[in-house]
């Protein structure tokens, strides 16, 4: 897997939804046929990761706190940091070349 900037060929795509705007869980982008591959035990950032039928990785993260939270996403051999605002869900999608 390669995490790149939005200007490059395989960017990490991010969608965010505030729970105040649409409710927790709204707007999540996990394609049919995807299967769960991971989640971590983090009380501040609730999360789950999937692999879709095209091999792309999809991560859903929710900030369950009263302050913005910065977290690190690790996906061999790359990683990236993201700051998630209060009560916000983010869906990340990127190519899954880490197999």
PDB file of N, CA and C in Angstrom:
ATOM      1  N   UNK A   1       0.844  -1.166   0.000  1.00  0.00           N
ATOM      2  CA  UNK A   1       0.000   0.000   0.000  1.00  0.00           C
ATOM      3  C   UNK A   1       0.889   1.228   0.000  1.00  0.00           C
ATOM      4  N   UNK A   2       0.476   2.215  -0.736  1.00  0.00           N
ATOM      5  CA  UNK A   2       1.234   3.458  -0.788  1.00  0.00           C
ATOM      6  C   UNK A   2       0.304   4.624  -0.499  1.00  0.00           C
ATOM      7  N   UNK A   3       0.621   5.379   0.508  1.00  0.00           N
ATOM      8  CA  UNK A   3      -0.147   6.575   0.823  1.00  0.00           C
ATOM      9  C   UNK A   3       0.526   7.737   0.134  1.00  0.00           C
ATOM     10  N   UNK A   4      -0.211   8.474  -0.681  1.00  0.00           N
ATOM     11  CA  UNK A   4       0.369   9.578  -1.438  1.00  0.00           C
ATOM     12  C   UNK A   4      -0.440  10.838  -1.199  1.00  0.00           C
ATOM     13  N   UNK A   5       0.060  11.938  -1.707  1.00  0.00           N
ATOM     14  CA  UNK A   5      -0.705  13.177  -1.594  1.00  0.00           C
ATOM     15  C   UNK A   5      -1.818  13.169  -2.627  1.00  0.00           C
ATOM     16  N   UNK A   6      -2.782  14.068  -2.479  1.00  0.00           N
ATOM     17  CA  UNK A   6      -3.923  14.127  -3.387  1.00  0.00           C
ATOM     18  C   UNK A   6      -3.510  14.453  -4.812  1.00  0.00           C
ATOM     19  N   UNK A   7      -2.346  15.041  -5.005  1.00  0.00           N
ATOM     20  CA  UNK A   7      -1.892  15.406  -6.346  1.00  0.00           C
ATOM     21  C   UNK A   7      -1.288  14.224  -7.084  1.00  0.00           C
ATOM     22  N   UNK A   8      -1.039  13.120  -6.393  1.00  0.00           N
ATOM     23  CA  UNK A   8      -0.410  11.970  -7.022  1.00  0.00           C
ATOM     24  C   UNK A   8      -1.451  10.939  -7.433  1.00  0.00           C
ATOM     25  N   UNK A   9      -0.982   9.866  -8.030  1.00  0.00           N
ATOM     26  CA  UNK A   9      -1.864   8.901  -8.683  1.00  0.00           C
ATOM     27  C   UNK A   9      -2.769   8.128  -7.726  1.00  0.00           C
ATOM     28  N   UNK A  10      -2.308   7.771  -6.539  1.00  0.00           N
ATOM     29  CA  UNK A  10      -3.088   6.934  -5.627  1.00  0.00           C
ATOM     30  C   UNK A  10      -3.306   7.633  -4.292  1.00  0.00           C
ATOM     31  N   UNK A  11      -4.108   8.692  -4.280  1.00  0.00           N
ATOM     32  CA  UNK A  11      -4.282   9.429  -3.021  1.00  0.00           C
ATOM     33  C   UNK A  11      -5.133   8.666  -2.014  1.00  0.00           C
ATOM     34  N   UNK A  12      -4.969   9.044  -0.756  1.00  0.00           N
ATOM     35  CA  UNK A  12      -5.902   8.610   0.274  1.00  0.00           C
ATOM     36  C   UNK A  12      -7.102   9.522   0.144  1.00  0.00           C
ATOM     37  N   UNK A  13      -8.277   8.943  -0.041  1.00  0.00           N
ATOM     38  CA  UNK A  13      -9.508   9.726  -0.131  1.00  0.00           C
ATOM     39  C   UNK A  13     -10.138   9.768   1.252  1.00  0.00           C
ATOM     40  N   UNK A  14     -10.629  10.942   1.657  1.00  0.00           N
ATOM     41  CA  UNK A  14     -11.217  11.107   2.980  1.00  0.00           C
ATOM     42  C   UNK A  14     -12.568  11.790   2.861  1.00  0.00           C
ATOM     43  N   UNK A  15     -13.584  11.235   3.542  1.00  0.00           N
ATOM     44  CA  UNK A  15     -14.900  11.849   3.665  1.00  0.00           C
ATOM     45  C   UNK A  15     -15.147  12.028   5.148  1.00  0.00           C
ATOM     46  N   UNK A  16     -15.680  13.166   5.550  1.00  0.00           N
ATOM     47  CA  UNK A  16     -16.010  13.367   6.961  1.00  0.00           C
ATOM     48  C   UNK A  16     -17.481  13.734   7.105  1.00  0.00           C
ATOM     49  N   UNK A  17     -18.057  13.316   8.220  1.00  0.00           N
ATOM     50  CA  UNK A  17     -19.446  13.620   8.551  1.00  0.00           C
ATOM     51  C   UNK A  17     -19.513  13.950  10.025  1.00  0.00           C
ATOM     52  N   UNK A  18     -20.032  15.114  10.350  1.00  0.00           N
ATOM     53  CA  UNK A  18     -20.229  15.485  11.746  1.00  0.00           C
ATOM     54  C   UNK A  18     -21.475  14.786  12.258  1.00  0.00           C
ATOM     55  N   UNK A  19     -21.412  14.259  13.472  1.00  0.00           N
ATOM     56  CA  UNK A  19     -22.602  13.607  14.033  1.00  0.00           C
ATOM     57  C   UNK A  19     -23.702  14.628  14.272  1.00  0.00           C
ATOM     58  N   UNK A  20     -23.341  15.898  14.413  1.00  0.00           N
ATOM     59  CA  UNK A  20     -24.351  16.946  14.560  1.00  0.00           C
ATOM     60  C   UNK A  20     -25.113  17.175  13.257  1.00  0.00           C
ATOM     61  N   UNK A  21     -24.454  16.942  12.117  1.00  0.00           N
ATOM     62  CA  UNK A  21     -25.074  17.169  10.813  1.00  0.00           C
ATOM     63  C   UNK A  21     -25.950  16.010  10.367  1.00  0.00           C
ATOM     64  N   UNK A  22     -25.452  14.793  10.504  1.00  0.00           N
ATOM     65  CA  UNK A  22     -26.153  13.680   9.876  1.00  0.00           C
ATOM     66  C   UNK A  22     -26.319  12.457  10.763  1.00  0.00           C
ATOM     67  N   UNK A  23     -25.824  12.477  11.983  1.00  0.00           N
ATOM     68  CA  UNK A  23     -25.933  11.307  12.838  1.00  0.00           C
ATOM     69  C   UNK A  23     -24.748  10.374  12.650  1.00  0.00           C
ATOM     70  N   UNK A  24     -24.338   9.729  13.714  1.00  0.00           N
ATOM     71  CA  UNK A  24     -23.206   8.811  13.649  1.00  0.00           C
ATOM     72  C   UNK A  24     -23.519   7.694  12.667  1.00  0.00           C
ATOM     73  N   UNK A  25     -22.572   7.394  11.806  1.00  0.00           N
ATOM     74  CA  UNK A  25     -22.738   6.312  10.837  1.00  0.00           C
ATOM     75  C   UNK A  25     -23.247   6.758   9.497  1.00  0.00           C
ATOM     76  N   UNK A  26     -23.694   7.985   9.376  1.00  0.00           N
ATOM     77  CA  UNK A  26     -24.218   8.452   8.088  1.00  0.00           C
ATOM     78  C   UNK A  26     -23.087   8.713   7.113  1.00  0.00           C
ATOM     79  N   UNK A  27     -23.287   8.416   5.864  1.00  0.00           N
ATOM     80  CA  UNK A  27     -22.334   8.739   4.824  1.00  0.00           C
ATOM     81  C   UNK A  27     -21.131   7.827   4.750  1.00  0.00           C
ATOM     82  N   UNK A  28     -21.168   6.685   5.402  1.00  0.00           N
ATOM     83  CA  UNK A  28     -20.024   5.791   5.361  1.00  0.00           C
ATOM     84  C   UNK A  28     -19.974   5.083   4.018  1.00  0.00           C
ATOM     85  N   UNK A  29     -18.764   4.930   3.500  1.00  0.00           N
ATOM     86  CA  UNK A  29     -18.582   4.415   2.145  1.00  0.00           C
ATOM     87  C   UNK A  29     -17.880   3.064   2.161  1.00  0.00           C
ATOM     88  N   UNK A  30     -18.571   2.006   2.514  1.00  0.00           N
ATOM     89  CA  UNK A  30     -18.007   0.659   2.458  1.00  0.00           C
ATOM     90  C   UNK A  30     -18.775  -0.104   1.396  1.00  0.00           C
ATOM     91  N   UNK A  31     -18.124  -0.414   0.259  1.00  0.00           N
ATOM     92  CA  UNK A  31     -18.816  -1.081  -0.840  1.00  0.00           C
ATOM     93  C   UNK A  31     -19.314  -2.478  -0.463  1.00  0.00           C
ATOM     94  N   UNK A  32     -20.395  -2.905  -1.093  1.00  0.00           N
ATOM     95  CA  UNK A  32     -20.900  -4.270  -0.921  1.00  0.00           C
ATOM     96  C   UNK A  32     -19.798  -5.261  -1.255  1.00  0.00           C
ATOM     97  N   UNK A  33     -19.729  -6.351  -0.528  1.00  0.00           N
ATOM     98  CA  UNK A  33     -18.736  -7.389  -0.754  1.00  0.00           C
ATOM     99  C   UNK A  33     -17.445  -7.172   0.019  1.00  0.00           C
ATOM    100  N   UNK A  34     -17.312  -6.037   0.708  1.00  0.00           N
ATOM    101  CA  UNK A  34     -16.117  -5.771   1.506  1.00  0.00           C
ATOM    102  C   UNK A  34     -16.110  -6.677   2.729  1.00  0.00           C
ATOM    103  N   UNK A  35     -14.914  -6.967   3.229  1.00  0.00           N
ATOM    104  CA  UNK A  35     -14.829  -7.768   4.440  1.00  0.00           C
ATOM    105  C   UNK A  35     -13.916  -7.084   5.455  1.00  0.00           C
ATOM    106  N   UNK A  36     -14.269  -7.261   6.732  1.00  0.00           N
ATOM    107  CA  UNK A  36     -13.535  -6.632   7.828  1.00  0.00           C
ATOM    108  C   UNK A  36     -12.157  -7.264   7.944  1.00  0.00           C
ATOM    109  N   UNK A  37     -11.123  -6.411   8.061  1.00  0.00           N
ATOM    110  CA  UNK A  37      -9.766  -6.932   8.209  1.00  0.00           C
ATOM    111  C   UNK A  37      -9.111  -6.538   9.528  1.00  0.00           C
ATOM    112  N   UNK A  38      -9.612  -5.464  10.177  1.00  0.00           N
ATOM    113  CA  UNK A  38      -8.941  -5.037  11.396  1.00  0.00           C
ATOM    114  C   UNK A  38      -9.754  -3.971  12.126  1.00  0.00           C
ATOM    115  N   UNK A  39      -9.449  -3.806  13.390  1.00  0.00           N
ATOM    116  CA  UNK A  39      -9.869  -2.661  14.187  1.00  0.00           C
ATOM    117  C   UNK A  39      -8.941  -2.636  15.389  1.00  0.00           C
ATOM    118  N   UNK A  40      -8.851  -1.488  16.035  1.00  0.00           N
ATOM    119  CA  UNK A  40      -8.000  -1.393  17.213  1.00  0.00           C
ATOM    120  C   UNK A  40      -8.837  -0.986  18.409  1.00  0.00           C
ATOM    121  N   UNK A  41      -8.358  -1.337  19.581  1.00  0.00           N
ATOM    122  CA  UNK A  41      -9.050  -1.010  20.829  1.00  0.00           C
ATOM    123  C   UNK A  41      -8.581   0.362  21.280  1.00  0.00           C
ATOM    124  N   UNK A  42      -9.292   1.392  20.821  1.00  0.00           N
ATOM    125  CA  UNK A  42      -8.939   2.769  21.140  1.00  0.00           C
ATOM    126  C   UNK A  42     -10.217   3.493  21.561  1.00  0.00           C
ATOM    127  N   UNK A  43     -10.368   3.821  22.842  1.00  0.00           N
ATOM    128  CA  UNK A  43     -11.622   4.440  23.295  1.00  0.00           C
ATOM    129  C   UNK A  43     -11.846   5.853  22.746  1.00  0.00           C
ATOM    130  N   UNK A  44     -10.787   6.532  22.320  1.00  0.00           N
ATOM    131  CA  UNK A  44     -10.945   7.879  21.768  1.00  0.00           C
ATOM    132  C   UNK A  44     -11.351   7.852  20.297  1.00  0.00           C
ATOM    133  N   UNK A  45     -10.760   6.956  19.523  1.00  0.00           N
ATOM    134  CA  UNK A  45     -11.043   6.846  18.089  1.00  0.00           C
ATOM    135  C   UNK A  45     -11.578   5.441  17.826  1.00  0.00           C
ATOM    136  N   UNK A  46     -12.901   5.321  17.734  1.00  0.00           N
ATOM    137  CA  UNK A  46     -13.513   4.036  17.392  1.00  0.00           C
ATOM    138  C   UNK A  46     -13.243   3.799  15.909  1.00  0.00           C
ATOM    139  N   UNK A  47     -12.858   2.574  15.534  1.00  0.00           N
ATOM    140  CA  UNK A  47     -12.438   2.357  14.155  1.00  0.00           C
ATOM    141  C   UNK A  47     -12.631   0.923  13.701  1.00  0.00           C
ATOM    142  N   UNK A  48     -12.725   0.768  12.383  1.00  0.00           N
ATOM    143  CA  UNK A  48     -12.778  -0.551  11.759  1.00  0.00           C
ATOM    144  C   UNK A  48     -12.266  -0.398  10.330  1.00  0.00           C
ATOM    145  N   UNK A  49     -11.542  -1.419   9.855  1.00  0.00           N
ATOM    146  CA  UNK A  49     -10.977  -1.395   8.503  1.00  0.00           C
ATOM    147  C   UNK A  49     -11.531  -2.561   7.695  1.00  0.00           C
ATOM    148  N   UNK A  50     -11.696  -2.324   6.391  1.00  0.00           N
ATOM    149  CA  UNK A  50     -12.227  -3.315   5.460  1.00  0.00           C
ATOM    150  C   UNK A  50     -11.344  -3.379   4.222  1.00  0.00           C
ATOM    151  N   UNK A  51     -11.413  -4.489   3.507  1.00  0.00           N
ATOM    152  CA  UNK A  51     -10.844  -4.603   2.165  1.00  0.00           C
ATOM    153  C   UNK A  51     -12.022  -4.812   1.229  1.00  0.00           C
ATOM    154  N   UNK A  52     -12.088  -4.009   0.148  1.00  0.00           N
ATOM    155  CA  UNK A  52     -13.206  -4.154  -0.783  1.00  0.00           C
ATOM    156  C   UNK A  52     -12.869  -5.168  -1.871  1.00  0.00           C
ATOM    157  N   UNK A  53     -13.801  -5.435  -2.743  1.00  0.00           N
ATOM    158  CA  UNK A  53     -13.625  -6.473  -3.766  1.00  0.00           C
ATOM    159  C   UNK A  53     -12.562  -6.106  -4.796  1.00  0.00           C
ATOM    160  N   UNK A  54     -12.164  -4.827  -4.860  1.00  0.00           N
ATOM    161  CA  UNK A  54     -11.084  -4.392  -5.756  1.00  0.00           C
ATOM    162  C   UNK A  54      -9.739  -4.342  -5.050  1.00  0.00           C
ATOM    163  N   UNK A  55      -9.676  -4.784  -3.788  1.00  0.00           N
ATOM    164  CA  UNK A  55      -8.434  -4.794  -3.031  1.00  0.00           C
ATOM    165  C   UNK A  55      -8.118  -3.490  -2.325  1.00  0.00           C
ATOM    166  N   UNK A  56      -8.976  -2.481  -2.474  1.00  0.00           N
ATOM    167  CA  UNK A  56      -8.745  -1.211  -1.786  1.00  0.00           C
ATOM    168  C   UNK A  56      -9.040  -1.363  -0.296  1.00  0.00           C
ATOM    169  N   UNK A  57      -8.379  -0.543   0.504  1.00  0.00           N
ATOM    170  CA  UNK A  57      -8.598  -0.532   1.939  1.00  0.00           C
ATOM    171  C   UNK A  57      -9.535   0.613   2.300  1.00  0.00           C
ATOM    172  N   UNK A  58     -10.450   0.349   3.230  1.00  0.00           N
ATOM    173  CA  UNK A  58     -11.401   1.342   3.703  1.00  0.00           C
ATOM    174  C   UNK A  58     -11.319   1.352   5.226  1.00  0.00           C
ATOM    175  N   UNK A  59     -11.091   2.529   5.795  1.00  0.00           N
ATOM    176  CA  UNK A  59     -11.023   2.696   7.242  1.00  0.00           C
ATOM    177  C   UNK A  59     -12.102   3.686   7.665  1.00  0.00           C
ATOM    178  N   UNK A  60     -12.888   3.318   8.660  1.00  0.00           N
ATOM    179  CA  UNK A  60     -13.877   4.224   9.238  1.00  0.00           C
ATOM    180  C   UNK A  60     -13.420   4.522  10.659  1.00  0.00           C
ATOM    181  N   UNK A  61     -13.326   5.822  10.976  1.00  0.00           N
ATOM    182  CA  UNK A  61     -12.887   6.241  12.308  1.00  0.00           C
ATOM    183  C   UNK A  61     -13.872   7.275  12.848  1.00  0.00           C
ATOM    184  N   UNK A  62     -14.177   7.181  14.135  1.00  0.00           N
ATOM    185  CA  UNK A  62     -15.099   8.120  14.785  1.00  0.00           C
ATOM    186  C   UNK A  62     -14.445   8.670  16.039  1.00  0.00           C
ATOM    187  N   UNK A  63     -14.426   9.989  16.177  1.00  0.00           N
ATOM    188  CA  UNK A  63     -13.890  10.637  17.369  1.00  0.00           C
ATOM    189  C   UNK A  63     -14.973  10.657  18.435  1.00  0.00           C
ATOM    190  N   UNK A  64     -14.775   9.871  19.470  1.00  0.00           N
ATOM    191  CA  UNK A  64     -15.752   9.682  20.540  1.00  0.00           C
ATOM    192  C   UNK A  64     -15.443  10.556  21.756  1.00  0.00           C
ATOM    193  N   UNK A  65     -14.774  11.718  21.533  1.00  0.00           N
ATOM    194  CA  UNK A  65     -14.359  12.552  22.656  1.00  0.00           C
ATOM    195  C   UNK A  65     -14.881  13.982  22.510  1.00  0.00           C
ATOM    196  N   UNK A  66     -14.527  14.809  23.472  1.00  0.00           N
ATOM    197  CA  UNK A  66     -14.938  16.215  23.440  1.00  0.00           C
ATOM    198  C   UNK A  66     -13.830  17.138  22.951  1.00  0.00           C
ATOM    199  N   UNK A  67     -12.738  16.570  22.421  1.00  0.00           N
ATOM    200  CA  UNK A  67     -11.652  17.358  21.833  1.00  0.00           C
ATOM    201  C   UNK A  67     -11.219  16.708  20.521  1.00  0.00           C
ATOM    202  N   UNK A  68     -10.628  17.500  19.639  1.00  0.00           N
ATOM    203  CA  UNK A  68     -10.082  16.947  18.399  1.00  0.00           C
ATOM    204  C   UNK A  68      -8.989  15.935  18.755  1.00  0.00           C
ATOM    205  N   UNK A  69      -8.897  14.853  17.978  1.00  0.00           N
ATOM    206  CA  UNK A  69      -7.925  13.793  18.246  1.00  0.00           C
ATOM    207  C   UNK A  69      -7.064  13.555  17.006  1.00  0.00           C
ATOM    208  N   UNK A  70      -5.751  13.542  17.199  1.00  0.00           N
ATOM    209  CA  UNK A  70      -4.833  13.185  16.118  1.00  0.00           C
ATOM    210  C   UNK A  70      -4.439  11.730  16.314  1.00  0.00           C
ATOM    211  N   UNK A  71      -4.492  10.960  15.228  1.00  0.00           N
ATOM    212  CA  UNK A  71      -4.130   9.551  15.313  1.00  0.00           C
ATOM    213  C   UNK A  71      -3.282   9.165  14.115  1.00  0.00           C
ATOM    214  N   UNK A  72      -2.642   8.021  14.211  1.00  0.00           N
ATOM    215  CA  UNK A  72      -1.759   7.529  13.162  1.00  0.00           C
ATOM    216  C   UNK A  72      -2.358   6.273  12.558  1.00  0.00           C
ATOM    217  N   UNK A  73      -2.383   6.217  11.244  1.00  0.00           N
ATOM    218  CA  UNK A  73      -2.832   5.027  10.517  1.00  0.00           C
ATOM    219  C   UNK A  73      -1.592   4.340   9.973  1.00  0.00           C
ATOM    220  N   UNK A  74      -1.424   3.067  10.318  1.00  0.00           N
ATOM    221  CA  UNK A  74      -0.299   2.274   9.839  1.00  0.00           C
ATOM    222  C   UNK A  74      -0.804   1.251   8.838  1.00  0.00           C
ATOM    223  N   UNK A  75      -0.194   1.233   7.670  1.00  0.00           N
ATOM    224  CA  UNK A  75      -0.516   0.225   6.660  1.00  0.00           C
ATOM    225  C   UNK A  75       0.765  -0.043   5.889  1.00  0.00           C
ATOM    226  N   UNK A  76       1.301  -1.234   6.074  1.00  0.00           N
ATOM    227  CA  UNK A  76       2.612  -1.573   5.515  1.00  0.00           C
ATOM    228  C   UNK A  76       2.805  -1.045   4.116  1.00  0.00           C
ATOM    229  N   UNK A  77       3.914  -0.454   3.798  1.00  0.00           N
ATOM    230  CA  UNK A  77       4.985  -0.007   4.707  1.00  0.00           C
ATOM    231  C   UNK A  77       4.810   1.454   5.097  1.00  0.00           C
ATOM    232  N   UNK A  78       3.691   2.052   4.764  1.00  0.00           N
ATOM    233  CA  UNK A  78       3.474   3.488   4.960  1.00  0.00           C
ATOM    234  C   UNK A  78       2.601   3.774   6.179  1.00  0.00           C
ATOM    235  N   UNK A  79       2.524   5.068   6.518  1.00  0.00           N
ATOM    236  CA  UNK A  79       1.640   5.520   7.582  1.00  0.00           C
ATOM    237  C   UNK A  79       1.276   6.975   7.318  1.00  0.00           C
ATOM    238  N   UNK A  80       0.216   7.427   7.969  1.00  0.00           N
ATOM    239  CA  UNK A  80      -0.134   8.839   7.907  1.00  0.00           C
ATOM    240  C   UNK A  80      -0.845   9.235   9.194  1.00  0.00           C
ATOM    241  N   UNK A  81      -0.815  10.530   9.499  1.00  0.00           N
ATOM    242  CA  UNK A  81      -1.503  11.099  10.660  1.00  0.00           C
ATOM    243  C   UNK A  81      -2.725  11.867  10.167  1.00  0.00           C
ATOM    244  N   UNK A  82      -3.750  11.892  11.014  1.00  0.00           N
ATOM    245  CA  UNK A  82      -4.961  12.633  10.686  1.00  0.00           C
ATOM    246  C   UNK A  82      -5.554  13.179  11.981  1.00  0.00           C
ATOM    247  N   UNK A  83      -6.050  14.400  11.937  1.00  0.00           N
ATOM    248  CA  UNK A  83      -6.726  14.989  13.090  1.00  0.00           C
ATOM    249  C   UNK A  83      -8.219  14.993  12.822  1.00  0.00           C
ATOM    250  N   UNK A  84      -8.952  14.328  13.694  1.00  0.00           N
ATOM    251  CA  UNK A  84     -10.391  14.173  13.555  1.00  0.00           C
ATOM    252  C   UNK A  84     -11.089  15.109  14.540  1.00  0.00           C
ATOM    253  N   UNK A  85     -11.947  16.013  14.047  1.00  0.00           N
ATOM    254  CA  UNK A  85     -12.662  16.932  14.945  1.00  0.00           C
ATOM    255  C   UNK A  85     -13.600  16.188  15.898  1.00  0.00           C
ATOM    256  N   UNK A  86     -14.113  16.924  16.858  1.00  0.00           N
ATOM    257  CA  UNK A  86     -15.062  16.394  17.843  1.00  0.00           C
ATOM    258  C   UNK A  86     -16.283  15.802  17.139  1.00  0.00           C
ATOM    259  N   UNK A  87     -16.745  14.636  17.613  1.00  0.00           N
ATOM    260  CA  UNK A  87     -17.973  13.992  17.120  1.00  0.00           C
ATOM    261  C   UNK A  87     -18.041  13.909  15.599  1.00  0.00           C
ATOM    262  N   UNK A  88     -16.936  13.516  14.988  1.00  0.00           N
ATOM    263  CA  UNK A  88     -16.877  13.418  13.534  1.00  0.00           C
ATOM    264  C   UNK A  88     -16.458  12.016  13.124  1.00  0.00           C
ATOM    265  N   UNK A  89     -17.093  11.524  12.064  1.00  0.00           N
ATOM    266  CA  UNK A  89     -16.717  10.257  11.453  1.00  0.00           C
ATOM    267  C   UNK A  89     -15.948  10.559  10.182  1.00  0.00           C
ATOM    268  N   UNK A  90     -14.855   9.835   9.958  1.00  0.00           N
ATOM    269  CA  UNK A  90     -14.100   9.960   8.714  1.00  0.00           C
ATOM    270  C   UNK A  90     -14.001   8.586   8.066  1.00  0.00           C
ATOM    271  N   UNK A  91     -14.177   8.560   6.763  1.00  0.00           N
ATOM    272  CA  UNK A  91     -13.990   7.340   5.985  1.00  0.00           C
ATOM    273  C   UNK A  91     -12.792   7.574   5.076  1.00  0.00           C
ATOM    274  N   UNK A  92     -11.788   6.709   5.173  1.00  0.00           N
ATOM    275  CA  UNK A  92     -10.576   6.792   4.357  1.00  0.00           C
ATOM    276  C   UNK A  92     -10.586   5.627   3.378  1.00  0.00           C
ATOM    277  N   UNK A  93     -10.144   5.872   2.154  1.00  0.00           N
ATOM    278  CA  UNK A  93     -10.040   4.778   1.178  1.00  0.00           C
ATOM    279  C   UNK A  93      -8.748   4.964   0.394  1.00  0.00           C
ATOM    280  N   UNK A  94      -7.982   3.889   0.227  1.00  0.00           N
ATOM    281  CA  UNK A  94      -6.755   3.945  -0.549  1.00  0.00           C
ATOM    282  C   UNK A  94      -6.470   2.575  -1.157  1.00  0.00           C
ATOM    283  N   UNK A  95      -5.549   2.551  -2.133  1.00  0.00           N
ATOM    284  CA  UNK A  95      -5.210   1.281  -2.795  1.00  0.00           C
ATOM    285  C   UNK A  95      -4.575   0.360  -1.763  1.00  0.00           C
ATOM    286  N   UNK A  96      -4.854  -0.915  -1.862  1.00  0.00           N
ATOM    287  CA  UNK A  96      -4.370  -1.886  -0.884  1.00  0.00           C
ATOM    288  C   UNK A  96      -3.234  -2.727  -1.419  1.00  0.00           C
ATOM    289  N   UNK A  97      -2.130  -2.098  -1.734  1.00  0.00           N
ATOM    290  CA  UNK A  97      -0.997  -2.804  -2.318  1.00  0.00           C
ATOM    291  C   UNK A  97      -0.100  -3.449  -1.272  1.00  0.00           C
ATOM    292  N   UNK A  98      -0.604  -3.616  -0.064  1.00  0.00           N
ATOM    293  CA  UNK A  98       0.231  -4.127   1.031  1.00  0.00           C
ATOM    294  C   UNK A  98       0.150  -5.642   1.179  1.00  0.00           C
ATOM    295  N   UNK A  99      -0.484  -6.325   0.259  1.00  0.00           N
ATOM    296  CA  UNK A  99      -0.674  -7.768   0.402  1.00  0.00           C
ATOM    297  C   UNK A  99       0.598  -8.529   0.120  1.00  0.00           C
TER     298      UNK A  99
END
